[in-house]
Amino acid sequence: MFWSFWTLFTLTLLILLGVLGIASWIKTRQPNLSQQIGKLESVEGVIGLVGLVWGLVLLLRWLESLGYYHSLNLVALIVALAILGLSLILALPQLRSMIGSNDFTTRLSTFTGRLAPYKMVLGIVCLVLALYVLLSFSGLRVF
């Protein structure tokens, strides 16, 4: 079994994003975890920025692979889009503080406002994809 650094990085990012996506649900179900979740939420903007960059890299890699492979890897596309979507929601405040308020951030904010109701769904999707990556790279046949 060969785990590359990038696979482990993607797996870790999916888990972090997934936990941040469902953080409000976790805190209502397990109040004793609020302090630990709060520590993670304090860096959610940074995790979101890292996720944005990595999601773009994954999306570009997927687009590049279209020319080489006859069968499209749908899971790779879903991973990239889930990372991008949830990262955008989490990184928007950080982006605003870095870039400032302008036309780009206003449009980004409008788009993110449409995504925001799906934050928990995207968190669950990220956790399911993390499980998929974990199982598929462990040698188990998932699909």
N, C-alpha and C. Protein backbone atom coordinates (compact mmCIF):
# COMPACT_ATOMS: atom_id res chain seq x y z
N MET A 1 0.85 -1.17 0.00
CA MET A 1 0.00 0.00 0.00
C MET A 1 0.90 1.23 0.00
N PHE A 2 0.64 2.15 -0.91
CA PHE A 2 1.44 3.36 -1.03
C PHE A 2 0.56 4.57 -0.82
N TRP A 3 0.82 5.27 0.26
CA TRP A 3 0.11 6.51 0.56
C TRP A 3 1.01 7.67 0.21
N SER A 4 0.63 8.44 -0.75
CA SER A 4 1.43 9.60 -1.10
C SER A 4 1.11 10.74 -0.13
N PHE A 5 2.02 11.70 -0.07
CA PHE A 5 1.81 12.87 0.76
C PHE A 5 0.53 13.59 0.35
N TRP A 6 0.29 13.68 -0.96
CA TRP A 6 -0.86 14.44 -1.46
C TRP A 6 -2.18 13.75 -1.14
N THR A 7 -2.16 12.42 -1.12
CA THR A 7 -3.36 11.68 -0.73
C THR A 7 -3.66 11.91 0.75
N LEU A 8 -2.62 11.85 1.58
CA LEU A 8 -2.80 12.11 3.01
C LEU A 8 -3.25 13.55 3.26
N PHE A 9 -2.70 14.49 2.49
CA PHE A 9 -3.09 15.89 2.61
C PHE A 9 -4.56 16.07 2.25
N THR A 10 -4.98 15.45 1.15
CA THR A 10 -6.39 15.53 0.73
C THR A 10 -7.29 14.90 1.78
N LEU A 11 -6.90 13.75 2.30
CA LEU A 11 -7.68 13.06 3.33
C LEU A 11 -7.82 13.93 4.58
N THR A 12 -6.72 14.51 5.03
CA THR A 12 -6.74 15.38 6.21
C THR A 12 -7.62 16.60 5.97
N LEU A 13 -7.49 17.20 4.79
CA LEU A 13 -8.29 18.38 4.47
C LEU A 13 -9.78 18.03 4.41
N LEU A 14 -10.12 16.88 3.84
CA LEU A 14 -11.52 16.46 3.80
C LEU A 14 -12.08 16.28 5.21
N ILE A 15 -11.29 15.69 6.09
CA ILE A 15 -11.75 15.47 7.46
C ILE A 15 -11.93 16.81 8.19
N LEU A 16 -10.93 17.70 8.07
CA LEU A 16 -11.04 19.01 8.73
C LEU A 16 -12.23 19.80 8.21
N LEU A 17 -12.38 19.84 6.89
CA LEU A 17 -13.52 20.57 6.31
C LEU A 17 -14.85 19.94 6.72
N GLY A 18 -14.88 18.62 6.74
CA GLY A 18 -16.11 17.93 7.14
C GLY A 18 -16.51 18.24 8.57
N VAL A 19 -15.53 18.22 9.47
CA VAL A 19 -15.82 18.53 10.87
C VAL A 19 -16.27 19.99 11.01
N LEU A 20 -15.60 20.90 10.30
CA LEU A 20 -16.01 22.31 10.36
C LEU A 20 -17.40 22.51 9.75
N GLY A 21 -17.72 21.73 8.72
CA GLY A 21 -19.03 21.85 8.09
C GLY A 21 -20.17 21.43 9.00
N ILE A 22 -19.92 20.45 9.85
CA ILE A 22 -20.97 19.96 10.75
C ILE A 22 -20.72 20.39 12.19
N ALA A 23 -19.85 21.38 12.40
CA ALA A 23 -19.48 21.81 13.76
C ALA A 23 -20.68 22.23 14.59
N SER A 24 -21.60 22.96 14.00
CA SER A 24 -22.76 23.41 14.78
C SER A 24 -23.61 22.22 15.23
N TRP A 25 -23.74 21.22 14.40
CA TRP A 25 -24.50 20.02 14.76
C TRP A 25 -23.78 19.25 15.86
N ILE A 26 -22.45 19.12 15.74
CA ILE A 26 -21.67 18.41 16.76
C ILE A 26 -21.82 19.11 18.11
N LYS A 27 -21.75 20.44 18.11
CA LYS A 27 -21.83 21.19 19.38
C LYS A 27 -23.21 21.06 20.03
N THR A 28 -24.27 20.94 19.24
CA THR A 28 -25.59 20.76 19.85
C THR A 28 -25.78 19.34 20.37
N ARG A 29 -25.17 18.36 19.70
CA ARG A 29 -25.32 16.96 20.11
C ARG A 29 -24.35 16.58 21.23
N GLN A 30 -23.15 17.15 21.20
CA GLN A 30 -22.11 16.84 22.19
C GLN A 30 -21.55 18.14 22.76
N PRO A 31 -22.24 18.77 23.71
CA PRO A 31 -21.76 20.05 24.25
C PRO A 31 -20.37 19.97 24.88
N ASN A 32 -19.97 18.78 25.32
CA ASN A 32 -18.65 18.64 25.92
C ASN A 32 -17.52 18.77 24.89
N LEU A 33 -17.84 18.71 23.62
CA LEU A 33 -16.83 18.89 22.56
C LEU A 33 -16.75 20.33 22.06
N SER A 34 -17.54 21.22 22.64
CA SER A 34 -17.58 22.61 22.17
C SER A 34 -16.22 23.29 22.25
N GLN A 35 -15.47 23.02 23.29
CA GLN A 35 -14.16 23.66 23.44
C GLN A 35 -13.20 23.20 22.34
N GLN A 36 -13.17 21.91 22.04
CA GLN A 36 -12.28 21.40 20.99
C GLN A 36 -12.70 21.90 19.62
N ILE A 37 -13.99 21.91 19.36
CA ILE A 37 -14.51 22.41 18.08
C ILE A 37 -14.22 23.90 17.96
N GLY A 38 -14.34 24.63 19.07
CA GLY A 38 -14.05 26.06 19.07
C GLY A 38 -12.61 26.35 18.67
N LYS A 39 -11.68 25.51 19.13
CA LYS A 39 -10.27 25.68 18.74
C LYS A 39 -10.11 25.51 17.24
N LEU A 40 -10.79 24.52 16.68
CA LEU A 40 -10.71 24.28 15.24
C LEU A 40 -11.39 25.41 14.47
N GLU A 41 -12.51 25.90 15.00
CA GLU A 41 -13.23 26.99 14.34
C GLU A 41 -12.43 28.29 14.34
N SER A 42 -11.51 28.43 15.28
CA SER A 42 -10.72 29.66 15.32
C SER A 42 -9.76 29.77 14.14
N VAL A 43 -9.48 28.65 13.49
CA VAL A 43 -8.59 28.67 12.32
C VAL A 43 -9.32 28.25 11.04
N GLU A 44 -10.65 28.32 11.06
CA GLU A 44 -11.40 27.87 9.89
C GLU A 44 -11.14 28.72 8.65
N GLY A 45 -10.83 30.00 8.82
CA GLY A 45 -10.51 30.84 7.67
C GLY A 45 -9.24 30.39 6.97
N VAL A 46 -8.24 30.02 7.76
CA VAL A 46 -6.98 29.54 7.19
C VAL A 46 -7.19 28.19 6.51
N ILE A 47 -7.93 27.31 7.16
CA ILE A 47 -8.24 26.01 6.56
C ILE A 47 -9.03 26.21 5.28
N GLY A 48 -9.94 27.16 5.28
CA GLY A 48 -10.71 27.47 4.08
C GLY A 48 -9.83 27.97 2.95
N LEU A 49 -8.87 28.84 3.26
CA LEU A 49 -7.94 29.33 2.22
C LEU A 49 -7.09 28.20 1.65
N VAL A 50 -6.58 27.35 2.52
CA VAL A 50 -5.79 26.20 2.06
C VAL A 50 -6.67 25.30 1.20
N GLY A 51 -7.92 25.10 1.63
CA GLY A 51 -8.85 24.28 0.86
C GLY A 51 -9.16 24.88 -0.51
N LEU A 52 -9.28 26.20 -0.58
CA LEU A 52 -9.53 26.85 -1.87
C LEU A 52 -8.38 26.59 -2.84
N VAL A 53 -7.17 26.77 -2.36
CA VAL A 53 -6.01 26.55 -3.22
C VAL A 53 -5.93 25.09 -3.65
N TRP A 54 -6.09 24.18 -2.67
CA TRP A 54 -5.98 22.76 -2.99
C TRP A 54 -7.14 22.29 -3.87
N GLY A 55 -8.33 22.81 -3.65
CA GLY A 55 -9.47 22.46 -4.50
C GLY A 55 -9.25 22.90 -5.94
N LEU A 56 -8.67 24.08 -6.13
CA LEU A 56 -8.34 24.53 -7.48
C LEU A 56 -7.30 23.64 -8.13
N VAL A 57 -6.29 23.24 -7.36
CA VAL A 57 -5.26 22.33 -7.88
C VAL A 57 -5.90 21.01 -8.29
N LEU A 58 -6.76 20.46 -7.45
CA LEU A 58 -7.43 19.20 -7.78
C LEU A 58 -8.31 19.33 -9.02
N LEU A 59 -9.02 20.44 -9.12
CA LEU A 59 -9.87 20.67 -10.29
C LEU A 59 -9.04 20.78 -11.56
N LEU A 60 -7.93 21.50 -11.48
CA LEU A 60 -7.05 21.62 -12.65
C LEU A 60 -6.43 20.27 -13.02
N ARG A 61 -6.06 19.49 -12.02
CA ARG A 61 -5.52 18.15 -12.30
C ARG A 61 -6.58 17.26 -12.94
N TRP A 62 -7.82 17.39 -12.49
CA TRP A 62 -8.90 16.59 -13.07
C TRP A 62 -9.12 17.00 -14.53
N LEU A 63 -9.13 18.32 -14.78
CA LEU A 63 -9.31 18.80 -16.15
C LEU A 63 -8.16 18.35 -17.05
N GLU A 64 -6.96 18.35 -16.51
CA GLU A 64 -5.80 17.90 -17.28
C GLU A 64 -5.90 16.41 -17.62
N SER A 65 -6.45 15.63 -16.71
CA SER A 65 -6.55 14.19 -16.94
C SER A 65 -7.61 13.82 -17.96
N LEU A 66 -8.47 14.76 -18.32
CA LEU A 66 -9.51 14.47 -19.31
C LEU A 66 -8.90 14.06 -20.64
N GLY A 67 -7.77 14.60 -20.99
CA GLY A 67 -7.14 14.28 -22.26
C GLY A 67 -6.43 12.94 -22.26
N TYR A 68 -6.11 12.40 -21.07
CA TYR A 68 -5.31 11.17 -20.99
C TYR A 68 -6.12 9.92 -20.74
N TYR A 69 -7.20 10.05 -20.03
CA TYR A 69 -7.99 8.89 -19.65
C TYR A 69 -9.31 8.90 -20.40
N HIS A 70 -9.70 7.71 -20.83
CA HIS A 70 -10.98 7.62 -21.53
C HIS A 70 -12.16 7.61 -20.55
N SER A 71 -11.93 7.07 -19.38
CA SER A 71 -13.01 7.07 -18.39
C SER A 71 -12.75 8.21 -17.41
N LEU A 72 -13.78 8.98 -17.16
CA LEU A 72 -13.67 10.12 -16.25
C LEU A 72 -13.77 9.63 -14.81
N ASN A 73 -12.92 10.15 -13.97
CA ASN A 73 -12.98 9.81 -12.55
C ASN A 73 -13.92 10.80 -11.86
N LEU A 74 -15.15 10.38 -11.74
CA LEU A 74 -16.19 11.23 -11.16
C LEU A 74 -15.92 11.55 -9.69
N VAL A 75 -15.34 10.61 -8.97
CA VAL A 75 -15.06 10.84 -7.55
C VAL A 75 -14.04 11.97 -7.39
N ALA A 76 -13.04 12.02 -8.24
CA ALA A 76 -12.03 13.08 -8.16
C ALA A 76 -12.67 14.45 -8.39
N LEU A 77 -13.61 14.53 -9.31
CA LEU A 77 -14.32 15.79 -9.55
C LEU A 77 -15.17 16.17 -8.35
N ILE A 78 -15.87 15.21 -7.76
CA ILE A 78 -16.71 15.48 -6.60
C ILE A 78 -15.86 15.93 -5.42
N VAL A 79 -14.69 15.30 -5.23
CA VAL A 79 -13.78 15.71 -4.16
C VAL A 79 -13.36 17.17 -4.35
N ALA A 80 -12.95 17.51 -5.57
CA ALA A 80 -12.51 18.88 -5.85
C ALA A 80 -13.63 19.89 -5.62
N LEU A 81 -14.83 19.58 -6.10
CA LEU A 81 -15.95 20.51 -5.95
C LEU A 81 -16.41 20.63 -4.50
N ALA A 82 -16.41 19.53 -3.76
CA ALA A 82 -16.80 19.59 -2.34
C ALA A 82 -15.79 20.42 -1.55
N ILE A 83 -14.52 20.22 -1.81
CA ILE A 83 -13.48 21.00 -1.12
C ILE A 83 -13.62 22.47 -1.49
N LEU A 84 -13.82 22.76 -2.75
CA LEU A 84 -13.97 24.16 -3.17
C LEU A 84 -15.20 24.82 -2.55
N GLY A 85 -16.32 24.14 -2.57
CA GLY A 85 -17.55 24.72 -2.04
C GLY A 85 -17.48 25.03 -0.56
N LEU A 86 -17.08 24.05 0.24
CA LEU A 86 -17.02 24.27 1.68
C LEU A 86 -15.88 25.23 2.05
N SER A 87 -14.78 25.16 1.34
CA SER A 87 -13.67 26.07 1.61
C SER A 87 -14.06 27.51 1.32
N LEU A 88 -14.84 27.72 0.29
CA LEU A 88 -15.29 29.06 -0.04
C LEU A 88 -16.16 29.64 1.08
N ILE A 89 -17.04 28.83 1.61
CA ILE A 89 -17.89 29.28 2.71
C ILE A 89 -17.03 29.66 3.93
N LEU A 90 -16.05 28.82 4.23
CA LEU A 90 -15.23 29.04 5.42
C LEU A 90 -14.22 30.17 5.23
N ALA A 91 -13.74 30.36 4.01
CA ALA A 91 -12.66 31.32 3.76
C ALA A 91 -13.15 32.73 3.44
N LEU A 92 -14.42 32.91 3.20
CA LEU A 92 -14.90 34.23 2.78
C LEU A 92 -14.54 35.36 3.75
N PRO A 93 -14.73 35.20 5.05
CA PRO A 93 -14.32 36.31 5.94
C PRO A 93 -12.82 36.60 5.87
N GLN A 94 -12.03 35.55 5.75
CA GLN A 94 -10.58 35.72 5.63
C GLN A 94 -10.22 36.42 4.32
N LEU A 95 -10.90 36.05 3.24
CA LEU A 95 -10.65 36.70 1.95
C LEU A 95 -11.01 38.18 2.00
N ARG A 96 -12.12 38.49 2.65
CA ARG A 96 -12.53 39.89 2.77
C ARG A 96 -11.50 40.71 3.54
N SER A 97 -10.93 40.13 4.58
CA SER A 97 -9.94 40.87 5.36
C SER A 97 -8.63 41.02 4.59
N MET A 98 -8.32 40.07 3.72
CA MET A 98 -7.08 40.14 2.94
C MET A 98 -7.22 41.05 1.73
N ILE A 99 -8.33 40.91 1.01
CA ILE A 99 -8.52 41.63 -0.25
C ILE A 99 -9.22 42.96 -0.02
N GLY A 100 -10.09 42.99 0.96
CA GLY A 100 -10.91 44.18 1.17
C GLY A 100 -12.26 44.02 0.49
N SER A 101 -13.07 45.01 0.62
CA SER A 101 -14.39 44.96 0.02
C SER A 101 -14.34 45.62 -1.36
N ASN A 102 -14.63 44.83 -2.38
CA ASN A 102 -14.66 45.33 -3.75
C ASN A 102 -15.70 44.53 -4.53
N ASP A 103 -15.76 44.75 -5.82
CA ASP A 103 -16.76 44.09 -6.66
C ASP A 103 -16.58 42.57 -6.64
N PHE A 104 -15.33 42.12 -6.66
CA PHE A 104 -15.05 40.68 -6.65
C PHE A 104 -15.56 40.03 -5.37
N THR A 105 -15.23 40.63 -4.23
CA THR A 105 -15.67 40.03 -2.96
C THR A 105 -17.18 40.14 -2.79
N THR A 106 -17.79 41.16 -3.36
CA THR A 106 -19.25 41.27 -3.31
C THR A 106 -19.89 40.15 -4.10
N ARG A 107 -19.38 39.89 -5.29
CA ARG A 107 -19.92 38.78 -6.10
C ARG A 107 -19.66 37.43 -5.44
N LEU A 108 -18.47 37.30 -4.88
CA LEU A 108 -18.12 36.07 -4.17
C LEU A 108 -19.04 35.87 -2.96
N SER A 109 -19.34 36.95 -2.28
CA SER A 109 -20.22 36.89 -1.12
C SER A 109 -21.64 36.48 -1.53
N THR A 110 -22.11 36.98 -2.66
CA THR A 110 -23.43 36.61 -3.16
C THR A 110 -23.48 35.12 -3.50
N PHE A 111 -22.44 34.63 -4.16
CA PHE A 111 -22.37 33.21 -4.51
C PHE A 111 -22.28 32.35 -3.26
N THR A 112 -21.45 32.77 -2.31
CA THR A 112 -21.28 32.03 -1.07
C THR A 112 -22.57 32.02 -0.26
N GLY A 113 -23.34 33.12 -0.35
CA GLY A 113 -24.64 33.17 0.32
C GLY A 113 -25.59 32.11 -0.19
N ARG A 114 -25.47 31.79 -1.46
CA ARG A 114 -26.30 30.71 -2.04
C ARG A 114 -25.82 29.33 -1.57
N LEU A 115 -24.52 29.21 -1.33
CA LEU A 115 -23.96 27.93 -0.88
C LEU A 115 -24.14 27.69 0.61
N ALA A 116 -24.20 28.77 1.39
CA ALA A 116 -24.20 28.67 2.85
C ALA A 116 -25.25 27.73 3.44
N PRO A 117 -26.49 27.67 2.89
CA PRO A 117 -27.46 26.73 3.47
C PRO A 117 -27.04 25.27 3.33
N TYR A 118 -26.09 24.99 2.46
CA TYR A 118 -25.64 23.62 2.23
C TYR A 118 -24.34 23.30 2.96
N LYS A 119 -23.98 24.13 3.93
CA LYS A 119 -22.73 23.94 4.65
C LYS A 119 -22.67 22.58 5.34
N MET A 120 -23.75 22.21 6.02
CA MET A 120 -23.76 20.92 6.71
C MET A 120 -23.75 19.75 5.72
N VAL A 121 -24.48 19.90 4.64
CA VAL A 121 -24.49 18.85 3.60
C VAL A 121 -23.09 18.69 3.02
N LEU A 122 -22.42 19.80 2.73
CA LEU A 122 -21.06 19.73 2.20
C LEU A 122 -20.11 19.12 3.23
N GLY A 123 -20.33 19.40 4.51
CA GLY A 123 -19.51 18.79 5.55
C GLY A 123 -19.67 17.28 5.58
N ILE A 124 -20.91 16.83 5.46
CA ILE A 124 -21.17 15.38 5.43
C ILE A 124 -20.55 14.77 4.18
N VAL A 125 -20.69 15.44 3.04
CA VAL A 125 -20.10 14.95 1.79
C VAL A 125 -18.58 14.82 1.95
N CYS A 126 -17.95 15.81 2.56
CA CYS A 126 -16.50 15.75 2.76
C CYS A 126 -16.12 14.56 3.65
N LEU A 127 -16.88 14.32 4.70
CA LEU A 127 -16.58 13.18 5.58
C LEU A 127 -16.80 11.84 4.87
N VAL A 128 -17.84 11.74 4.07
CA VAL A 128 -18.09 10.51 3.30
C VAL A 128 -16.98 10.30 2.28
N LEU A 129 -16.54 11.37 1.63
CA LEU A 129 -15.44 11.26 0.67
C LEU A 129 -14.13 10.90 1.38
N ALA A 130 -13.93 11.41 2.58
CA ALA A 130 -12.74 11.03 3.35
C ALA A 130 -12.76 9.53 3.65
N LEU A 131 -13.92 9.03 4.02
CA LEU A 131 -14.07 7.60 4.26
C LEU A 131 -13.80 6.80 2.99
N TYR A 132 -14.31 7.29 1.87
CA TYR A 132 -14.08 6.64 0.58
C TYR A 132 -12.57 6.59 0.25
N VAL A 133 -11.90 7.72 0.43
CA VAL A 133 -10.45 7.78 0.16
C VAL A 133 -9.72 6.82 1.08
N LEU A 134 -10.09 6.82 2.34
CA LEU A 134 -9.45 5.94 3.31
C LEU A 134 -9.63 4.48 2.95
N LEU A 135 -10.85 4.10 2.61
CA LEU A 135 -11.12 2.70 2.26
C LEU A 135 -10.49 2.30 0.94
N SER A 136 -10.56 3.18 -0.05
CA SER A 136 -10.03 2.81 -1.37
C SER A 136 -8.51 2.71 -1.36
N PHE A 137 -7.84 3.55 -0.57
CA PHE A 137 -6.39 3.48 -0.52
C PHE A 137 -5.90 2.45 0.51
N SER A 138 -6.80 1.85 1.24
CA SER A 138 -6.43 0.78 2.17
C SER A 138 -6.46 -0.57 1.49
N GLY A 139 -6.79 -0.57 0.22
CA GLY A 139 -6.82 -1.82 -0.52
C GLY A 139 -8.19 -2.47 -0.58
N LEU A 140 -9.17 -1.90 0.09
CA LEU A 140 -10.52 -2.43 0.02
C LEU A 140 -11.18 -1.98 -1.27
N ARG A 141 -11.93 -2.85 -1.86
CA ARG A 141 -12.65 -2.53 -3.09
C ARG A 141 -13.97 -1.86 -2.69
N VAL A 142 -14.10 -0.55 -2.97
CA VAL A 142 -15.30 0.17 -2.55
C VAL A 142 -16.38 0.08 -3.61
N PHE A 143 -16.02 0.40 -4.85
CA PHE A 143 -16.99 0.30 -5.95
C PHE A 143 -16.42 -0.53 -7.06
